[in-house]
C-alpha atoms as a PDB file:
ATOM      1  CA  MET A   1     -85.717  14.747 -67.644  1.00  0.00           C
ATOM      2  CA  THR A   2     -85.940  15.406 -71.386  1.00  0.00           C
ATOM      3  CA  GLU A   3     -84.662  18.820 -72.511  1.00  0.00           C
ATOM      4  CA  ALA A   4     -87.112  21.529 -73.624  1.00  0.00           C
ATOM      5  CA  LEU A   5     -88.686  21.122 -77.032  1.00  0.00           C
ATOM      6  CA  ALA A   6     -88.380  24.287 -79.153  1.00  0.00           C
ATOM      7  CA  LEU A   7     -91.234  24.865 -81.604  1.00  0.00           C
ATOM      8  CA  SER A   8     -91.939  27.788 -83.917  1.00  0.00           C
ATOM      9  CA  ARG A   9     -94.224  28.693 -86.797  1.00  0.00           C
ATOM     10  CA  SER A  10     -94.493  31.922 -88.810  1.00  0.00           C
ATOM     11  CA  ARG A  11     -96.784  33.515 -91.342  1.00  0.00           C
ATOM     12  CA  THR A  12     -96.850  36.841 -93.167  1.00  0.00           C
ATOM     13  CA  TYR A  13     -99.971  39.014 -93.377  1.00  0.00           C
ATOM     14  CA  PRO A  14    -100.779  42.155 -95.402  1.00  0.00           C
ATOM     15  CA  VAL A  15    -101.385  44.411 -92.365  1.00  0.00           C
ATOM     16  CA  GLY A  16     -99.169  46.707 -90.318  1.00  0.00           C
ATOM     17  CA  VAL A  17     -97.115  45.521 -87.356  1.00  0.00           C
ATOM     18  CA  ALA A  18     -98.984  47.630 -84.776  1.00  0.00           C
ATOM     19  CA  ARG A  19    -102.388  46.568 -86.092  1.00  0.00           C
ATOM     20  CA  ALA A  20    -101.427  42.896 -85.938  1.00  0.00           C
ATOM     21  CA  PHE A  21    -100.068  43.259 -82.393  1.00  0.00           C
ATOM     22  CA  ASP A  22    -103.088  45.243 -81.180  1.00  0.00           C
ATOM     23  CA  THR A  23    -105.476  42.676 -82.687  1.00  0.00           C
ATOM     24  CA  LEU A  24    -103.743  39.565 -81.369  1.00  0.00           C
ATOM     25  CA  LEU A  25    -102.791  40.527 -77.799  1.00  0.00           C
ATOM     26  CA  PRO A  26    -106.361  41.038 -76.442  1.00  0.00           C
ATOM     27  CA  LEU A  27    -107.994  38.449 -78.731  1.00  0.00           C
ATOM     28  CA  PRO A  28    -110.135  35.948 -76.783  1.00  0.00           C
ATOM     29  CA  LEU A  29    -108.276  32.617 -76.908  1.00  0.00           C
ATOM     30  CA  PRO A  30    -111.377  30.559 -77.875  1.00  0.00           C
ATOM     31  CA  THR A  31    -111.693  32.749 -80.989  1.00  0.00           C
ATOM     32  CA  LEU A  32    -108.209  31.849 -82.216  1.00  0.00           C
ATOM     33  CA  PHE A  33    -107.966  28.287 -80.905  1.00  0.00           C
ATOM     34  CA  SER A  34    -111.491  27.104 -81.685  1.00  0.00           C
ATOM     35  CA  ARG A  35    -110.526  23.788 -83.286  1.00  0.00           C
ATOM     36  CA  ARG A  36    -108.754  20.660 -82.109  1.00  0.00           C
ATOM     37  CA  TYR A  37    -105.758  19.382 -84.035  1.00  0.00           C
ATOM     38  CA  ALA A  38    -104.978  15.677 -83.516  1.00  0.00           C
ATOM     39  CA  ALA A  39    -104.587  15.266 -79.726  1.00  0.00           C
ATOM     40  CA  LEU A  40    -104.346  19.022 -79.044  1.00  0.00           C
ATOM     41  CA  PRO A  41    -107.757  20.288 -77.933  1.00  0.00           C
ATOM     42  CA  ALA A  42    -109.533  23.530 -78.695  1.00  0.00           C
ATOM     43  CA  ILE A  43    -109.702  26.188 -76.006  1.00  0.00           C
ATOM     44  CA  ARG A  44    -113.236  26.239 -74.599  1.00  0.00           C
ATOM     45  CA  GLU A  45    -113.009  29.244 -72.263  1.00  0.00           C
ATOM     46  CA  VAL A  46    -110.787  31.518 -70.213  1.00  0.00           C
ATOM     47  CA  ARG A  47    -111.459  32.115 -66.522  1.00  0.00           C
ATOM     48  CA  ASP A  48    -110.122  34.425 -63.828  1.00  0.00           C
ATOM     49  CA  GLN A  49    -108.866  37.101 -66.214  1.00  0.00           C
ATOM     50  CA  GLY A  50    -109.298  40.576 -64.757  1.00  0.00           C
ATOM     51  CA  GLY A  51    -109.783  43.019 -67.643  1.00  0.00           C
ATOM     52  CA  GLU A  52    -108.146  43.010 -71.048  1.00  0.00           C
ATOM     53  CA  TRP A  53    -105.045  40.816 -71.421  1.00  0.00           C
ATOM     54  CA  SER A  54    -102.430  43.565 -71.383  1.00  0.00           C
ATOM     55  CA  ILE A  55    -100.476  43.774 -68.095  1.00  0.00           C
ATOM     56  CA  VAL A  56     -97.267  41.866 -67.344  1.00  0.00           C
ATOM     57  CA  GLY A  57     -97.897  39.603 -64.343  1.00  0.00           C
ATOM     58  CA  GLN A  58    -101.577  39.128 -65.214  1.00  0.00           C
ATOM     59  CA  THR A  59    -102.802  35.518 -65.002  1.00  0.00           C
ATOM     60  CA  ARG A  60    -105.747  33.551 -66.335  1.00  0.00           C
ATOM     61  CA  THR A  61    -106.949  29.966 -66.414  1.00  0.00           C
ATOM     62  CA  ILE A  62    -107.302  28.302 -69.810  1.00  0.00           C
ATOM     63  CA  VAL A  63    -110.006  25.619 -69.994  1.00  0.00           C
ATOM     64  CA  LEU A  64    -109.547  23.127 -72.830  1.00  0.00           C
ATOM     65  CA  ALA A  65    -112.282  21.242 -74.655  1.00  0.00           C
ATOM     66  CA  ASP A  66    -110.989  17.990 -73.100  1.00  0.00           C
ATOM     67  CA  ARG A  67    -111.614  19.564 -69.635  1.00  0.00           C
ATOM     68  CA  GLY A  68    -107.924  20.081 -68.963  1.00  0.00           C
ATOM     69  CA  THR A  69    -106.796  23.389 -67.503  1.00  0.00           C
ATOM     70  CA  MET A  70    -103.611  25.458 -67.522  1.00  0.00           C
ATOM     71  CA  ARG A  71    -102.568  28.695 -65.848  1.00  0.00           C
ATOM     72  CA  GLU A  72    -101.168  31.363 -68.168  1.00  0.00           C
ATOM     73  CA  THR A  73     -99.118  34.347 -67.004  1.00  0.00           C
ATOM     74  CA  LEU A  74     -98.202  37.288 -69.231  1.00  0.00           C
ATOM     75  CA  VAL A  75     -94.441  37.612 -68.650  1.00  0.00           C
ATOM     76  CA  SER A  76     -93.308  40.171 -71.226  1.00  0.00           C
ATOM     77  CA  LEU A  77     -94.846  42.891 -73.347  1.00  0.00           C
ATOM     78  CA  ASP A  78     -92.968  45.058 -75.848  1.00  0.00           C
ATOM     79  CA  ARG A  79     -95.560  46.744 -78.052  1.00  0.00           C
ATOM     80  CA  PRO A  80     -95.615  46.287 -81.019  1.00  0.00           C
ATOM     81  CA  THR A  81     -92.795  43.750 -81.388  1.00  0.00           C
ATOM     82  CA  SER A  82     -93.557  40.905 -78.959  1.00  0.00           C
ATOM     83  CA  PHE A  83     -95.356  39.471 -75.995  1.00  0.00           C
ATOM     84  CA  GLY A  84     -94.497  36.389 -74.001  1.00  0.00           C
ATOM     85  CA  TYR A  85     -96.280  34.138 -71.564  1.00  0.00           C
ATOM     86  CA  ARG A  86     -95.701  31.125 -69.362  1.00  0.00           C
ATOM     87  CA  ILE A  87     -98.107  28.235 -69.045  1.00  0.00           C
ATOM     88  CA  ASP A  88     -97.903  26.071 -65.943  1.00  0.00           C
ATOM     89  CA  GLY A  89    -100.311  24.357 -63.588  1.00  0.00           C
ATOM     90  CA  VAL A  90    -101.125  21.924 -66.407  1.00  0.00           C
ATOM     91  CA  HIS A  91    -103.972  19.542 -65.478  1.00  0.00           C
ATOM     92  CA  GLY A  92    -105.774  16.986 -67.615  1.00  0.00           C
ATOM     93  CA  PRO A  93    -104.569  14.988 -70.617  1.00  0.00           C
ATOM     94  CA  MET A  94    -101.590  17.286 -71.363  1.00  0.00           C
ATOM     95  CA  ARG A  95    -100.124  16.921 -67.869  1.00  0.00           C
ATOM     96  CA  PRO A  96     -98.080  13.778 -68.698  1.00  0.00           C
ATOM     97  CA  LEU A  97     -96.425  15.699 -71.550  1.00  0.00           C
ATOM     98  CA  ALA A  98     -95.685  19.215 -70.337  1.00  0.00           C
ATOM     99  CA  SER A  99     -94.862  20.633 -66.927  1.00  0.00           C
ATOM    100  CA  SER A 100     -94.659  24.161 -68.327  1.00  0.00           C
ATOM    101  CA  ILE A 101     -94.477  26.050 -71.606  1.00  0.00           C
ATOM    102  CA  ASP A 102     -92.824  29.362 -72.435  1.00  0.00           C
ATOM    103  CA  GLY A 103     -94.651  31.017 -75.321  1.00  0.00           C
ATOM    104  CA  LEU A 104     -93.718  34.036 -77.420  1.00  0.00           C
ATOM    105  CA  TRP A 105     -95.445  35.939 -80.207  1.00  0.00           C
ATOM    106  CA  THR A 106     -93.202  38.216 -82.296  1.00  0.00           C
ATOM    107  CA  PHE A 107     -94.159  40.777 -84.925  1.00  0.00           C
ATOM    108  CA  GLU A 108     -91.719  42.094 -87.519  1.00  0.00           C
ATOM    109  CA  LYS A 109     -92.114  44.225 -90.601  1.00  0.00           C
ATOM    110  CA  ALA A 110     -92.085  42.161 -93.792  1.00  0.00           C
ATOM    111  CA  GLY A 111     -92.353  44.264 -96.935  1.00  0.00           C
ATOM    112  CA  THR A 112     -95.629  46.157 -96.608  1.00  0.00           C
ATOM    113  CA  GLY A 113     -96.982  43.711 -94.031  1.00  0.00           C
ATOM    114  CA  VAL A 114     -96.032  41.820 -90.900  1.00  0.00           C
ATOM    115  CA  ARG A 115     -94.428  38.476 -90.188  1.00  0.00           C
ATOM    116  CA  ILE A 116     -95.899  36.922 -87.051  1.00  0.00           C
ATOM    117  CA  THR A 117     -94.016  34.105 -85.359  1.00  0.00           C
ATOM    118  CA  TRP A 118     -95.488  31.970 -82.595  1.00  0.00           C
ATOM    119  CA  SER A 119     -92.951  29.999 -80.559  1.00  0.00           C
ATOM    120  CA  TRP A 120     -93.208  27.495 -77.734  1.00  0.00           C
ATOM    121  CA  SER A 121     -90.503  26.079 -75.517  1.00  0.00           C
ATOM    122  CA  VAL A 122     -92.109  23.006 -73.975  1.00  0.00           C
ATOM    123  CA  HIS A 123     -90.614  21.775 -70.719  1.00  0.00           C
ATOM    124  CA  PRO A 124     -91.559  18.086 -70.592  1.00  0.00           C
ATOM    125  CA  SER A 125     -93.043  16.571 -67.476  1.00  0.00           C
ATOM    126  CA  SER A 126     -90.962  14.003 -65.637  1.00  0.00           C
ATOM    127  CA  SER A 127     -93.059  11.220 -67.189  1.00  0.00           C
ATOM    128  CA  ALA A 128     -92.650  12.424 -70.782  1.00  0.00           C
ATOM    129  CA  THR A 129     -90.275  10.333 -72.838  1.00  0.00           C
ATOM    130  CA  SER A 130     -87.993  11.479 -75.618  1.00  0.00           C
ATOM    131  CA  LEU A 131     -90.137   9.375 -77.960  1.00  0.00           C
ATOM    132  CA  LEU A 132     -93.323  11.335 -77.175  1.00  0.00           C
ATOM    133  CA  MET A 133     -91.953  14.821 -77.696  1.00  0.00           C
ATOM    134  CA  PRO A 134     -91.339  14.641 -81.480  1.00  0.00           C
ATOM    135  CA  ALA A 135     -94.948  13.474 -81.971  1.00  0.00           C
ATOM    136  CA  PHE A 136     -96.159  16.309 -79.744  1.00  0.00           C
ATOM    137  CA  GLY A 137     -94.065  18.716 -81.833  1.00  0.00           C
ATOM    138  CA  ARG A 138     -95.643  17.520 -85.086  1.00  0.00           C
ATOM    139  CA  MET A 139     -99.128  17.943 -83.617  1.00  0.00           C
ATOM    140  CA  TRP A 140     -98.245  21.435 -82.376  1.00  0.00           C
ATOM    141  CA  GLN A 141     -97.077  22.433 -85.865  1.00  0.00           C
ATOM    142  CA  GLY A 142    -100.512  21.519 -87.244  1.00  0.00           C
ATOM    143  CA  TYR A 143    -102.252  23.304 -84.364  1.00  0.00           C
ATOM    144  CA  ALA A 144    -100.119  26.417 -84.973  1.00  0.00           C
ATOM    145  CA  ARG A 145    -100.751  26.338 -88.741  1.00  0.00           C
ATOM    146  CA  GLN A 146    -104.486  26.143 -88.094  1.00  0.00           C
ATOM    147  CA  ALA A 147    -104.349  29.066 -85.613  1.00  0.00           C
ATOM    148  CA  LEU A 148    -102.280  31.233 -87.958  1.00  0.00           C
ATOM    149  CA  GLU A 149    -104.751  30.540 -90.783  1.00  0.00           C
ATOM    150  CA  ARG A 150    -107.608  31.583 -88.495  1.00  0.00           C
ATOM    151  CA  LEU A 151    -105.670  34.708 -87.523  1.00  0.00           C
ATOM    152  CA  GLU A 152    -105.533  35.769 -91.173  1.00  0.00           C
ATOM    153  CA  GLY A 153    -109.323  36.010 -91.319  1.00  0.00           C
ATOM    154  CA  LEU A 154    -109.403  37.996 -88.065  1.00  0.00           C
ATOM    155  CA  LEU A 155    -106.703  40.444 -89.210  1.00  0.00           C
ATOM    156  CA  LEU A 156    -108.265  41.019 -92.623  1.00  0.00           C
ATOM    157  CA  SER A 157    -111.896  41.370 -91.527  1.00  0.00           C
END
């Protein structure tokens, strides 16, 4: 099996750390991930989420625009510095690429604002080849850039 693919993207915003954290954590995923990037689909809806996304151990089902689904579990929460999640139960077009994904959002003071970093550690499926993962990584970087640009408008509104 191919080793995990580490991906990360950061951006700085002119808002406080706590405000950024408190805006992003409960944000509906389709609001932030509303657009496809290359082969990575938009998020269409979230199902099976009981209440606001805020309790370690909470799970939800992510439904992608390509009809794929994934289960997300909130695995860590350290307000206002970070929250982490695990994606597994991948079904649909992404299944041949990833068996699971460990995601982390971090928030750190940067001057008078905040630097937000979104990271993924992608655990390839048994059918993923070492040739596919770099292409997946390049697509993810564009997807992350797009999401972080969208986040700017949400933080500043």
